[in-house]
Amino acid sequence: MENSISAGIWPTMLTPFTAGGKIDEKAVERLVNWYIDCGAAGIFAVCQSSEMFQLSLAERTALAEKTAELSAGRVQVVASGHISDDLPDQIQELKALSKTGVDAVVLVSNRLAAQNEPDEVWIENCGRVLEAIPDAEFGVYECPYPYKRLLSEKVIRWCARSGRIFFIKDTCCDAKRIAQRLEWIKGTKLRLFNANAPTLLQTLRNGASGFCGILANICPKLLVWLFENYRTSPEKAELLQAYLTVLSWVETQQYPSCAKYYLDSIGVPMESVCRVNGRAPLRPYFRDEIDMLRLLNEKAENFFLRNES
C-alpha cells in the first residue's frame, strides 16, 4: 500500500532567532539545507522544538511557508502550530497552516480534548477539523506540553480508518506499546515515527517508519545510518543504539538552546537565543559538555559513516 509520507529521519525543526529575538530567516535557510544535506526524509516544522507556543500565528505560518519553499520538493515538510484552547480558533490556525504549502498539517493530540475528556470528544473534534479543511492531509503529534495525551487504541484505529491522517509522532517512549500501535495500523497508510531515541532500534525492527525527535538536531547522519543499515549491520546498529541512548541526555541540557549552540559550533551559524527559556544564556558547563559532544560525534561519524575504527 502506497504511503503519502516518506519513511526515514524527520528532524523536529528549531526556530533560529536573531540576537534581538526575531526569526532569523537566513539561519532558517541554512538549517533547512543542513537537514536535507544530512539525509533527512522530511522536516517537522512548527513543533515544540520550534517553540511554537511562543510564536504568533503570523510567525508560525511564515515559518511553515518558508520551510516548504526552501525545501523546494527535495524533502517533505509537515507543520503543526494550533495552540489555542477553543476548537474554532484552532480550526482557523490550521486553515492558515494548510495554505502554506506543507505536505501535511499535524494535529496536537492534547489540543483536541481536555485532559479529563474521553476519546469520544477527541474523535468528534478531530472529525470537525477534517471536515472544515477537506483538502489537507494530516498527522498527529503527542506533544508533551501543556499535557501529554497519548493516543488510545480506539483513537489510533479511528485515525487509520479516516483516510486523512498519515503521520503519528509517537512520544509514549515504550517499545512494547509502540509494537502494539504498529499492529493496530498494519496494512493502512498511517505511519508511526518514534520520537524516543533509546527505543529507536527496537521499534524500527518492529516496523516503525522512522524517527522524529530532538536528536535529529544533533546527529541526523548517525540516525540516517541506523535507519538504512540496522538490518544489514546488526552488531554495529546495537553499538550505535547504545551511543544514541547515552546521547539522549542532551534533551535535559537547556534544550533547545543547547542544540542551537551545537549547530552553530559545527558550522550552521545561529544564535543560541530562545524564547522558551526567557532568552537565558546557555550555562557555561553545558557549553563545555556540548563541546565534548561535538568531538564524540565526529568520532562516531568517522566510525559508522566511513567504516573507520
C-alpha atoms as a PDB file:
ATOM      1  CA  MET A   1       0.000   0.000   0.000  1.00  0.00           C
ATOM      2  CA  GLU A   2       1.459   3.334  -1.060  1.00  0.00           C
ATOM      3  CA  ASN A   3       2.065   5.887   1.689  1.00  0.00           C
ATOM      4  CA  SER A   4       1.983   9.646   1.212  1.00  0.00           C
ATOM      5  CA  ILE A   5       4.542  10.289   3.981  1.00  0.00           C
ATOM      6  CA  SER A   6       8.165   9.266   3.420  1.00  0.00           C
ATOM      7  CA  ALA A   7       9.805   6.865   5.840  1.00  0.00           C
ATOM      8  CA  GLY A   8      13.108   7.883   7.425  1.00  0.00           C
ATOM      9  CA  ILE A   9      14.512  10.536   9.735  1.00  0.00           C
ATOM     10  CA  TRP A  10      12.421  13.658  10.386  1.00  0.00           C
ATOM     11  CA  PRO A  11      14.116  16.418  12.424  1.00  0.00           C
ATOM     12  CA  THR A  12      11.913  18.419  14.773  1.00  0.00           C
ATOM     13  CA  MET A  13      12.873  21.801  13.406  1.00  0.00           C
ATOM     14  CA  LEU A  14      14.322  24.543  15.574  1.00  0.00           C
ATOM     15  CA  THR A  15      13.427  28.211  15.127  1.00  0.00           C
ATOM     16  CA  PRO A  16      16.599  30.300  14.877  1.00  0.00           C
ATOM     17  CA  PHE A  17      16.253  33.789  16.307  1.00  0.00           C
ATOM     18  CA  THR A  18      18.402  36.886  15.922  1.00  0.00           C
ATOM     19  CA  ALA A  19      20.111  38.366  18.964  1.00  0.00           C
ATOM     20  CA  GLY A  20      17.103  40.692  19.161  1.00  0.00           C
ATOM     21  CA  GLY A  21      14.667  37.796  19.326  1.00  0.00           C
ATOM     22  CA  LYS A  22      13.161  37.870  15.823  1.00  0.00           C
ATOM     23  CA  ILE A  23      13.082  34.869  13.491  1.00  0.00           C
ATOM     24  CA  ASP A  24      16.380  34.731  11.604  1.00  0.00           C
ATOM     25  CA  GLU A  25      15.412  33.881   8.008  1.00  0.00           C
ATOM     26  CA  LYS A  26      18.998  33.404   6.825  1.00  0.00           C
ATOM     27  CA  ALA A  27      19.635  30.941   9.650  1.00  0.00           C
ATOM     28  CA  VAL A  28      16.376  29.177   8.800  1.00  0.00           C
ATOM     29  CA  GLU A  29      17.656  28.670   5.253  1.00  0.00           C
ATOM     30  CA  ARG A  30      20.987  27.309   6.492  1.00  0.00           C
ATOM     31  CA  LEU A  31      19.209  24.956   8.887  1.00  0.00           C
ATOM     32  CA  VAL A  32      16.794  23.573   6.279  1.00  0.00           C
ATOM     33  CA  ASN A  33      19.671  22.930   3.864  1.00  0.00           C
ATOM     34  CA  TRP A  34      21.669  21.227   6.633  1.00  0.00           C
ATOM     35  CA  TYR A  35      18.798  18.873   7.457  1.00  0.00           C
ATOM     36  CA  ILE A  36      18.493  17.935   3.794  1.00  0.00           C
ATOM     37  CA  ASP A  37      22.248  17.559   3.277  1.00  0.00           C
ATOM     38  CA  CYS A  38      22.348  15.205   6.277  1.00  0.00           C
ATOM     39  CA  GLY A  39      19.846  12.880   4.636  1.00  0.00           C
ATOM     40  CA  ALA A  40      16.567  13.790   6.309  1.00  0.00           C
ATOM     41  CA  ALA A  41      13.460  12.286   4.702  1.00  0.00           C
ATOM     42  CA  GLY A  42      11.353  15.202   5.859  1.00  0.00           C
ATOM     43  CA  ILE A  43      11.181  18.151   8.259  1.00  0.00           C
ATOM     44  CA  PHE A  44       8.649  18.655  11.034  1.00  0.00           C
ATOM     45  CA  ALA A  45       8.369  22.444  11.274  1.00  0.00           C
ATOM     46  CA  VAL A  46       6.366  24.459  13.819  1.00  0.00           C
ATOM     47  CA  CYS A  47       6.512  21.905  16.627  1.00  0.00           C
ATOM     48  CA  GLN A  48       7.566  22.134  20.272  1.00  0.00           C
ATOM     49  CA  SER A  49      11.253  22.208  19.284  1.00  0.00           C
ATOM     50  CA  SER A  50      10.305  25.200  17.123  1.00  0.00           C
ATOM     51  CA  GLU A  51       8.959  26.932  20.258  1.00  0.00           C
ATOM     52  CA  MET A  52       5.534  27.078  18.600  1.00  0.00           C
ATOM     53  CA  PHE A  53       3.800  28.126  21.805  1.00  0.00           C
ATOM     54  CA  GLN A  54       5.984  31.245  21.854  1.00  0.00           C
ATOM     55  CA  LEU A  55       5.328  32.156  18.191  1.00  0.00           C
ATOM     56  CA  SER A  56       2.489  34.316  16.902  1.00  0.00           C
ATOM     57  CA  LEU A  57       0.187  32.839  14.265  1.00  0.00           C
ATOM     58  CA  ALA A  58       1.834  35.065  11.664  1.00  0.00           C
ATOM     59  CA  GLU A  59       5.245  33.692  12.680  1.00  0.00           C
ATOM     60  CA  ARG A  60       4.009  30.100  12.668  1.00  0.00           C
ATOM     61  CA  THR A  61       2.557  30.355   9.187  1.00  0.00           C
ATOM     62  CA  ALA A  62       5.580  32.273   7.876  1.00  0.00           C
ATOM     63  CA  LEU A  63       7.954  29.635   9.261  1.00  0.00           C
ATOM     64  CA  ALA A  64       5.947  26.788   7.730  1.00  0.00           C
ATOM     65  CA  GLU A  65       5.726  28.568   4.392  1.00  0.00           C
ATOM     66  CA  LYS A  66       9.434  29.419   4.358  1.00  0.00           C
ATOM     67  CA  THR A  67      10.427  25.845   5.222  1.00  0.00           C
ATOM     68  CA  ALA A  68       8.231  24.430   2.454  1.00  0.00           C
ATOM     69  CA  GLU A  69       9.626  26.977  -0.002  1.00  0.00           C
ATOM     70  CA  LEU A  70      13.235  26.266   0.937  1.00  0.00           C
ATOM     71  CA  SER A  71      12.791  22.505   0.751  1.00  0.00           C
ATOM     72  CA  ALA A  72      11.706  23.001  -2.879  1.00  0.00           C
ATOM     73  CA  GLY A  73      10.395  19.458  -3.132  1.00  0.00           C
ATOM     74  CA  ARG A  74      13.700  17.907  -2.048  1.00  0.00           C
ATOM     75  CA  VAL A  75      12.070  16.541   1.110  1.00  0.00           C
ATOM     76  CA  GLN A  76       8.583  16.605   2.544  1.00  0.00           C
ATOM     77  CA  VAL A  77       7.589  19.193   5.153  1.00  0.00           C
ATOM     78  CA  VAL A  78       4.848  18.883   7.760  1.00  0.00           C
ATOM     79  CA  ALA A  79       3.859  21.558  10.265  1.00  0.00           C
ATOM     80  CA  SER A  80       1.779  21.899  13.402  1.00  0.00           C
ATOM     81  CA  GLY A  81       1.016  25.056  15.330  1.00  0.00           C
ATOM     82  CA  HIS A  82      -2.603  25.091  16.516  1.00  0.00           C
ATOM     83  CA  ILE A  83      -2.128  26.247  20.103  1.00  0.00           C
ATOM     84  CA  SER A  84      -5.462  27.869  21.010  1.00  0.00           C
ATOM     85  CA  ASP A  85      -7.810  26.327  23.545  1.00  0.00           C
ATOM     86  CA  ASP A  86     -11.091  26.792  21.658  1.00  0.00           C
ATOM     87  CA  LEU A  87     -11.673  24.487  18.677  1.00  0.00           C
ATOM     88  CA  PRO A  88     -12.993  27.209  16.322  1.00  0.00           C
ATOM     89  CA  ASP A  89      -9.794  29.202  16.911  1.00  0.00           C
ATOM     90  CA  GLN A  90      -7.717  26.095  16.304  1.00  0.00           C
ATOM     91  CA  ILE A  91      -9.512  25.467  13.027  1.00  0.00           C
ATOM     92  CA  GLN A  92      -8.633  28.971  11.870  1.00  0.00           C
ATOM     93  CA  GLU A  93      -4.983  28.376  12.811  1.00  0.00           C
ATOM     94  CA  LEU A  94      -4.985  25.045  10.978  1.00  0.00           C
ATOM     95  CA  LYS A  95      -6.603  26.561   7.894  1.00  0.00           C
ATOM     96  CA  ALA A  96      -3.836  29.146   7.767  1.00  0.00           C
ATOM     97  CA  LEU A  97      -1.157  26.456   8.111  1.00  0.00           C
ATOM     98  CA  SER A  98      -2.791  24.302   5.433  1.00  0.00           C
ATOM     99  CA  LYS A  99      -2.265  27.120   2.923  1.00  0.00           C
ATOM    100  CA  THR A 100       1.498  27.348   3.475  1.00  0.00           C
ATOM    101  CA  GLY A 101       2.484  24.611   1.014  1.00  0.00           C
ATOM    102  CA  VAL A 102       3.338  21.940   3.593  1.00  0.00           C
ATOM    103  CA  ASP A 103       2.665  18.297   2.736  1.00  0.00           C
ATOM    104  CA  ALA A 104       0.594  17.671   5.864  1.00  0.00           C
ATOM    105  CA  VAL A 105      -0.760  19.586   8.847  1.00  0.00           C
ATOM    106  CA  VAL A 106      -0.011  17.896  12.160  1.00  0.00           C
ATOM    107  CA  LEU A 107      -2.649  17.961  14.898  1.00  0.00           C
ATOM    108  CA  VAL A 108      -1.510  18.303  18.511  1.00  0.00           C
ATOM    109  CA  SER A 109      -3.194  15.487  20.431  1.00  0.00           C
ATOM    110  CA  ASN A 110      -3.728  17.488  23.641  1.00  0.00           C
ATOM    111  CA  ARG A 111      -5.491  20.347  21.829  1.00  0.00           C
ATOM    112  CA  LEU A 112      -8.445  18.266  20.636  1.00  0.00           C
ATOM    113  CA  ALA A 113      -9.763  17.330  24.093  1.00  0.00           C
ATOM    114  CA  ALA A 114      -9.182  18.443  27.659  1.00  0.00           C
ATOM    115  CA  GLN A 115      -7.216  16.177  29.975  1.00  0.00           C
ATOM    116  CA  ASN A 116     -10.366  14.891  31.673  1.00  0.00           C
ATOM    117  CA  GLU A 117     -12.374  14.395  28.469  1.00  0.00           C
ATOM    118  CA  PRO A 118     -12.862  10.948  26.867  1.00  0.00           C
ATOM    119  CA  ASP A 119     -11.777   9.686  23.467  1.00  0.00           C
ATOM    120  CA  GLU A 120     -15.241  10.328  22.063  1.00  0.00           C
ATOM    121  CA  VAL A 121     -14.714  14.073  22.466  1.00  0.00           C
ATOM    122  CA  TRP A 122     -11.313  13.840  20.793  1.00  0.00           C
ATOM    123  CA  ILE A 123     -12.700  11.897  17.838  1.00  0.00           C
ATOM    124  CA  GLU A 124     -15.639  14.281  17.430  1.00  0.00           C
ATOM    125  CA  ASN A 125     -13.369  17.340  17.477  1.00  0.00           C
ATOM    126  CA  CYS A 126     -10.869  15.766  15.105  1.00  0.00           C
ATOM    127  CA  GLY A 127     -13.708  14.945  12.742  1.00  0.00           C
ATOM    128  CA  ARG A 128     -14.789  18.590  12.813  1.00  0.00           C
ATOM    129  CA  VAL A 129     -11.259  19.644  11.866  1.00  0.00           C
ATOM    130  CA  LEU A 130     -11.100  17.206   8.952  1.00  0.00           C
ATOM    131  CA  GLU A 131     -14.499  18.367   7.721  1.00  0.00           C
ATOM    132  CA  ALA A 132     -13.544  22.054   7.992  1.00  0.00           C
ATOM    133  CA  ILE A 133     -10.329  21.542   5.979  1.00  0.00           C
ATOM    134  CA  PRO A 134     -11.297  18.975   3.339  1.00  0.00           C
ATOM    135  CA  ASP A 135      -8.282  19.273   1.037  1.00  0.00           C
ATOM    136  CA  ALA A 136      -5.452  18.790   3.546  1.00  0.00           C
ATOM    137  CA  GLU A 137      -3.589  15.711   4.712  1.00  0.00           C
ATOM    138  CA  PHE A 138      -2.942  15.405   8.445  1.00  0.00           C
ATOM    139  CA  GLY A 139      -0.751  13.904  11.114  1.00  0.00           C
ATOM    140  CA  VAL A 140      -0.977  13.692  14.912  1.00  0.00           C
ATOM    141  CA  TYR A 141       1.710  14.720  17.425  1.00  0.00           C
ATOM    142  CA  GLU A 142       1.656  13.579  21.059  1.00  0.00           C
ATOM    143  CA  CYS A 143       3.104  16.876  22.260  1.00  0.00           C
ATOM    144  CA  PRO A 144       4.150  16.768  25.940  1.00  0.00           C
ATOM    145  CA  TYR A 145       3.029  20.371  26.604  1.00  0.00           C
ATOM    146  CA  PRO A 146       0.738  21.518  28.185  1.00  0.00           C
ATOM    147  CA  TYR A 147      -0.097  17.899  28.993  1.00  0.00           C
ATOM    148  CA  LYS A 148       0.702  14.656  27.205  1.00  0.00           C
ATOM    149  CA  ARG A 149      -2.326  12.942  25.689  1.00  0.00           C
ATOM    150  CA  LEU A 150      -1.263   9.533  24.419  1.00  0.00           C
ATOM    151  CA  LEU A 151      -3.428   8.060  21.703  1.00  0.00           C
ATOM    152  CA  SER A 152      -5.564   5.079  22.684  1.00  0.00           C
ATOM    153  CA  GLU A 153      -6.220   2.053  20.501  1.00  0.00           C
ATOM    154  CA  LYS A 154      -9.673   3.435  19.729  1.00  0.00           C
ATOM    155  CA  VAL A 155      -8.268   6.767  18.550  1.00  0.00           C
ATOM    156  CA  ILE A 156      -5.423   5.252  16.534  1.00  0.00           C
ATOM    157  CA  ARG A 157      -7.730   2.860  14.721  1.00  0.00           C
ATOM    158  CA  TRP A 158     -10.121   5.743  14.022  1.00  0.00           C
ATOM    159  CA  CYS A 159      -7.250   7.826  12.608  1.00  0.00           C
ATOM    160  CA  ALA A 160      -6.209   4.956  10.342  1.00  0.00           C
ATOM    161  CA  ARG A 161      -9.773   4.497   9.076  1.00  0.00           C
ATOM    162  CA  SER A 162     -10.247   8.222   8.443  1.00  0.00           C
ATOM    163  CA  GLY A 163      -8.167   8.095   5.277  1.00  0.00           C
ATOM    164  CA  ARG A 164      -6.937  11.623   6.056  1.00  0.00           C
ATOM    165  CA  ILE A 165      -4.314  11.047   8.759  1.00  0.00           C
ATOM    166  CA  PHE A 166      -0.973   9.652   7.613  1.00  0.00           C
ATOM    167  CA  PHE A 167       1.598  10.530  10.314  1.00  0.00           C
ATOM    168  CA  ILE A 168       1.929   9.867  14.061  1.00  0.00           C
ATOM    169  CA  LYS A 169       4.778  11.379  16.063  1.00  0.00           C
ATOM    170  CA  ASP A 170       4.810   8.888  18.922  1.00  0.00           C
ATOM    171  CA  THR A 171       6.070  10.075  22.326  1.00  0.00           C
ATOM    172  CA  CYS A 172       4.984   7.175  24.546  1.00  0.00           C
ATOM    173  CA  CYS A 173       8.676   6.145  24.963  1.00  0.00           C
ATOM    174  CA  ASP A 174       7.652   2.481  25.382  1.00  0.00           C
ATOM    175  CA  ALA A 175       8.833  -0.078  22.806  1.00  0.00           C
ATOM    176  CA  LYS A 176       6.177  -2.643  23.783  1.00  0.00           C
ATOM    177  CA  ARG A 177       3.407  -0.074  23.486  1.00  0.00           C
ATOM    178  CA  ILE A 178       4.741   1.057  20.115  1.00  0.00           C
ATOM    179  CA  ALA A 179       4.750  -2.570  18.930  1.00  0.00           C
ATOM    180  CA  GLN A 180       1.045  -2.745  19.794  1.00  0.00           C
ATOM    181  CA  ARG A 181       0.366   0.504  17.957  1.00  0.00           C
ATOM    182  CA  LEU A 182       2.176  -0.785  14.890  1.00  0.00           C
ATOM    183  CA  GLU A 183      -0.130  -3.805  14.867  1.00  0.00           C
ATOM    184  CA  TRP A 184      -3.172  -1.517  15.017  1.00  0.00           C
ATOM    185  CA  ILE A 185      -2.076   0.417  11.910  1.00  0.00           C
ATOM    186  CA  LYS A 186      -0.658  -2.522   9.956  1.00  0.00           C
ATOM    187  CA  GLY A 187      -1.873  -2.543   6.374  1.00  0.00           C
ATOM    188  CA  THR A 188      -3.044   1.095   6.484  1.00  0.00           C
ATOM    189  CA  LYS A 189      -1.495   4.310   5.151  1.00  0.00           C
ATOM    190  CA  LEU A 190      -0.865   5.625   8.668  1.00  0.00           C
ATOM    191  CA  ARG A 191       2.833   5.723   9.556  1.00  0.00           C
ATOM    192  CA  LEU A 192       4.355   5.883  13.028  1.00  0.00           C
ATOM    193  CA  PHE A 193       7.562   7.794  13.786  1.00  0.00           C
ATOM    194  CA  ASN A 194       9.222   7.241  17.148  1.00  0.00           C
ATOM    195  CA  ALA A 195      10.429  10.363  18.993  1.00  0.00           C
ATOM    196  CA  ASN A 196      12.323   8.398  21.658  1.00  0.00           C
ATOM    197  CA  ALA A 197      15.976   7.647  20.866  1.00  0.00           C
ATOM    198  CA  PRO A 198      16.576   4.904  23.500  1.00  0.00           C
ATOM    199  CA  THR A 199      13.841   2.691  21.994  1.00  0.00           C
ATOM    200  CA  LEU A 200      14.549   3.504  18.349  1.00  0.00           C
ATOM    201  CA  LEU A 201      16.314   0.348  17.169  1.00  0.00           C
ATOM    202  CA  GLN A 202      13.736  -1.997  18.667  1.00  0.00           C
ATOM    203  CA  THR A 203      10.865  -0.021  17.178  1.00  0.00           C
ATOM    204  CA  LEU A 204      12.490   0.021  13.735  1.00  0.00           C
ATOM    205  CA  ARG A 205      12.775  -3.753  13.930  1.00  0.00           C
ATOM    206  CA  ASN A 206       9.090  -3.879  14.813  1.00  0.00           C
ATOM    207  CA  GLY A 207       8.085  -1.799  11.800  1.00  0.00           C
ATOM    208  CA  ALA A 208       8.237   1.881  12.797  1.00  0.00           C
ATOM    209  CA  SER A 209       8.631   4.151   9.787  1.00  0.00           C
ATOM    210  CA  GLY A 210      11.467   6.177  11.277  1.00  0.00           C
ATOM    211  CA  PHE A 211      12.488   8.741  13.864  1.00  0.00           C
ATOM    212  CA  CYS A 212      11.086  12.205  14.523  1.00  0.00           C
ATOM    213  CA  GLY A 213      12.736  13.715  17.567  1.00  0.00           C
ATOM    214  CA  ILE A 214      15.204  16.017  19.225  1.00  0.00           C
ATOM    215  CA  LEU A 215      18.386  14.074  18.412  1.00  0.00           C
ATOM    216  CA  ALA A 216      17.869  14.742  14.713  1.00  0.00           C
ATOM    217  CA  ASN A 217      19.095  18.254  15.571  1.00  0.00           C
ATOM    218  CA  ILE A 218      22.317  16.789  16.964  1.00  0.00           C
ATOM    219  CA  CYS A 219      23.256  13.681  14.978  1.00  0.00           C
ATOM    220  CA  PRO A 220      20.994  13.267  11.937  1.00  0.00           C
ATOM    221  CA  LYS A 221      23.654  11.492   9.881  1.00  0.00           C
ATOM    222  CA  LEU A 222      24.009   8.795  12.547  1.00  0.00           C
ATOM    223  CA  LEU A 223      20.249   8.378  12.730  1.00  0.00           C
ATOM    224  CA  VAL A 224      20.062   8.069   8.952  1.00  0.00           C
ATOM    225  CA  TRP A 225      22.810   5.425   9.061  1.00  0.00           C
ATOM    226  CA  LEU A 226      20.874   3.443  11.666  1.00  0.00           C
ATOM    227  CA  PHE A 227      17.653   3.642   9.651  1.00  0.00           C
ATOM    228  CA  GLU A 228      19.379   2.488   6.470  1.00  0.00           C
ATOM    229  CA  ASN A 229      21.682  -0.175   7.940  1.00  0.00           C
ATOM    230  CA  TYR A 230      20.113  -1.727  11.041  1.00  0.00           C
ATOM    231  CA  ARG A 231      19.125  -4.885   9.132  1.00  0.00           C
ATOM    232  CA  THR A 232      22.429  -5.472   7.324  1.00  0.00           C
ATOM    233  CA  SER A 233      24.784  -4.428  10.158  1.00  0.00           C
ATOM    234  CA  PRO A 234      23.022  -5.568  13.342  1.00  0.00           C
ATOM    235  CA  GLU A 235      26.083  -5.526  15.621  1.00  0.00           C
ATOM    236  CA  LYS A 236      27.072  -2.007  14.634  1.00  0.00           C
ATOM    237  CA  ALA A 237      23.431  -0.969  14.938  1.00  0.00           C
ATOM    238  CA  GLU A 238      23.403  -2.216  18.537  1.00  0.00           C
ATOM    239  CA  LEU A 239      26.558  -0.213  19.252  1.00  0.00           C
ATOM    240  CA  LEU A 240      25.103   2.932  17.708  1.00  0.00           C
ATOM    241  CA  GLN A 241      21.868   2.438  19.647  1.00  0.00           C
ATOM    242  CA  ALA A 242      23.891   2.383  22.876  1.00  0.00           C
ATOM    243  CA  TYR A 243      25.551   5.653  21.882  1.00  0.00           C
ATOM    244  CA  LEU A 244      22.225   7.267  20.982  1.00  0.00           C
ATOM    245  CA  THR A 245      20.757   6.194  24.316  1.00  0.00           C
ATOM    246  CA  VAL A 246      23.535   7.949  26.206  1.00  0.00           C
ATOM    247  CA  LEU A 247      23.312  10.915  23.842  1.00  0.00           C
ATOM    248  CA  SER A 248      19.636  11.413  24.664  1.00  0.00           C
ATOM    249  CA  TRP A 249      20.832  13.173  27.812  1.00  0.00           C
ATOM    250  CA  VAL A 250      21.073  16.288  25.655  1.00  0.00           C
ATOM    251  CA  GLU A 251      17.291  16.674  25.910  1.00  0.00           C
ATOM    252  CA  THR A 252      17.755  17.793  29.528  1.00  0.00           C
ATOM    253  CA  GLN A 253      20.552  20.274  28.832  1.00  0.00           C
ATOM    254  CA  GLN A 254      18.635  23.542  28.457  1.00  0.00           C
ATOM    255  CA  TYR A 255      17.133  22.438  25.167  1.00  0.00           C
ATOM    256  CA  PRO A 256      16.677  23.936  22.574  1.00  0.00           C
ATOM    257  CA  SER A 257      19.432  26.447  23.445  1.00  0.00           C
ATOM    258  CA  CYS A 258      21.989  23.646  23.605  1.00  0.00           C
ATOM    259  CA  ALA A 259      21.012  22.380  20.136  1.00  0.00           C
ATOM    260  CA  LYS A 260      21.374  25.866  18.666  1.00  0.00           C
ATOM    261  CA  TYR A 261      24.764  26.259  20.318  1.00  0.00           C
ATOM    262  CA  TYR A 262      25.818  22.855  18.965  1.00  0.00           C
ATOM    263  CA  LEU A 263      24.714  23.659  15.424  1.00  0.00           C
ATOM    264  CA  ASP A 264      26.496  26.996  15.487  1.00  0.00           C
ATOM    265  CA  SER A 265      29.667  25.210  16.646  1.00  0.00           C
ATOM    266  CA  ILE A 266      29.617  22.768  13.705  1.00  0.00           C
ATOM    267  CA  GLY A 267      29.152  25.428  11.034  1.00  0.00           C
ATOM    268  CA  VAL A 268      25.389  26.032  10.886  1.00  0.00           C
ATOM    269  CA  PRO A 269      25.528  29.639  12.147  1.00  0.00           C
ATOM    270  CA  MET A 270      22.783  30.777  14.508  1.00  0.00           C
ATOM    271  CA  GLU A 271      22.345  32.423  17.878  1.00  0.00           C
ATOM    272  CA  SER A 272      21.534  30.215  20.864  1.00  0.00           C
ATOM    273  CA  VAL A 273      18.722  32.647  21.735  1.00  0.00           C
ATOM    274  CA  CYS A 274      15.395  31.022  22.622  1.00  0.00           C
ATOM    275  CA  ARG A 275      12.038  32.376  23.695  1.00  0.00           C
ATOM    276  CA  VAL A 276      11.007  29.276  25.596  1.00  0.00           C
ATOM    277  CA  ASN A 277      13.527  29.829  28.385  1.00  0.00           C
ATOM    278  CA  GLY A 278      13.278  33.594  28.541  1.00  0.00           C
ATOM    279  CA  ARG A 279      16.380  34.017  26.354  1.00  0.00           C
ATOM    280  CA  ALA A 280      18.570  32.914  29.249  1.00  0.00           C
ATOM    281  CA  PRO A 281      22.163  32.258  28.093  1.00  0.00           C
ATOM    282  CA  LEU A 282      23.358  28.672  27.964  1.00  0.00           C
ATOM    283  CA  ARG A 283      25.061  27.756  31.232  1.00  0.00           C
ATOM    284  CA  PRO A 284      28.866  27.602  30.856  1.00  0.00           C
ATOM    285  CA  TYR A 285      29.197  23.971  31.921  1.00  0.00           C
ATOM    286  CA  PHE A 286      26.518  22.998  29.402  1.00  0.00           C
ATOM    287  CA  ARG A 287      28.656  24.654  26.727  1.00  0.00           C
ATOM    288  CA  ASP A 288      31.626  22.546  27.819  1.00  0.00           C
ATOM    289  CA  GLU A 289      29.540  19.380  27.659  1.00  0.00           C
ATOM    290  CA  ILE A 290      28.219  20.234  24.199  1.00  0.00           C
ATOM    291  CA  ASP A 291      31.783  20.924  23.029  1.00  0.00           C
ATOM    292  CA  MET A 292      32.760  17.408  24.150  1.00  0.00           C
ATOM    293  CA  LEU A 293      29.677  16.050  22.414  1.00  0.00           C
ATOM    294  CA  ARG A 294      30.834  17.610  19.155  1.00  0.00           C
ATOM    295  CA  LEU A 295      34.136  15.736  19.391  1.00  0.00           C
ATOM    296  CA  LEU A 296      32.361  12.458  20.166  1.00  0.00           C
ATOM    297  CA  ASN A 297      30.010  12.871  17.230  1.00  0.00           C
ATOM    298  CA  GLU A 298      32.945  13.463  14.896  1.00  0.00           C
ATOM    299  CA  LYS A 299      34.478  10.166  16.048  1.00  0.00           C
ATOM    300  CA  ALA A 300      31.150   8.354  15.779  1.00  0.00           C
ATOM    301  CA  GLU A 301      30.569   9.619  12.237  1.00  0.00           C
ATOM    302  CA  ASN A 302      34.083   8.514  11.267  1.00  0.00           C
ATOM    303  CA  PHE A 303      33.353   5.024  12.547  1.00  0.00           C
ATOM    304  CA  PHE A 304      29.820   4.452  11.297  1.00  0.00           C
ATOM    305  CA  LEU A 305      29.755   6.553   8.123  1.00  0.00           C
ATOM    306  CA  ARG A 306      33.305   5.928   6.924  1.00  0.00           C
ATOM    307  CA  ASN A 307      33.708   2.477   8.435  1.00  0.00           C
ATOM    308  CA  GLU A 308      36.819   3.512  10.368  1.00  0.00           C
ATOM    309  CA  SER A 309      37.633   2.229  13.844  1.00  0.00           C
END
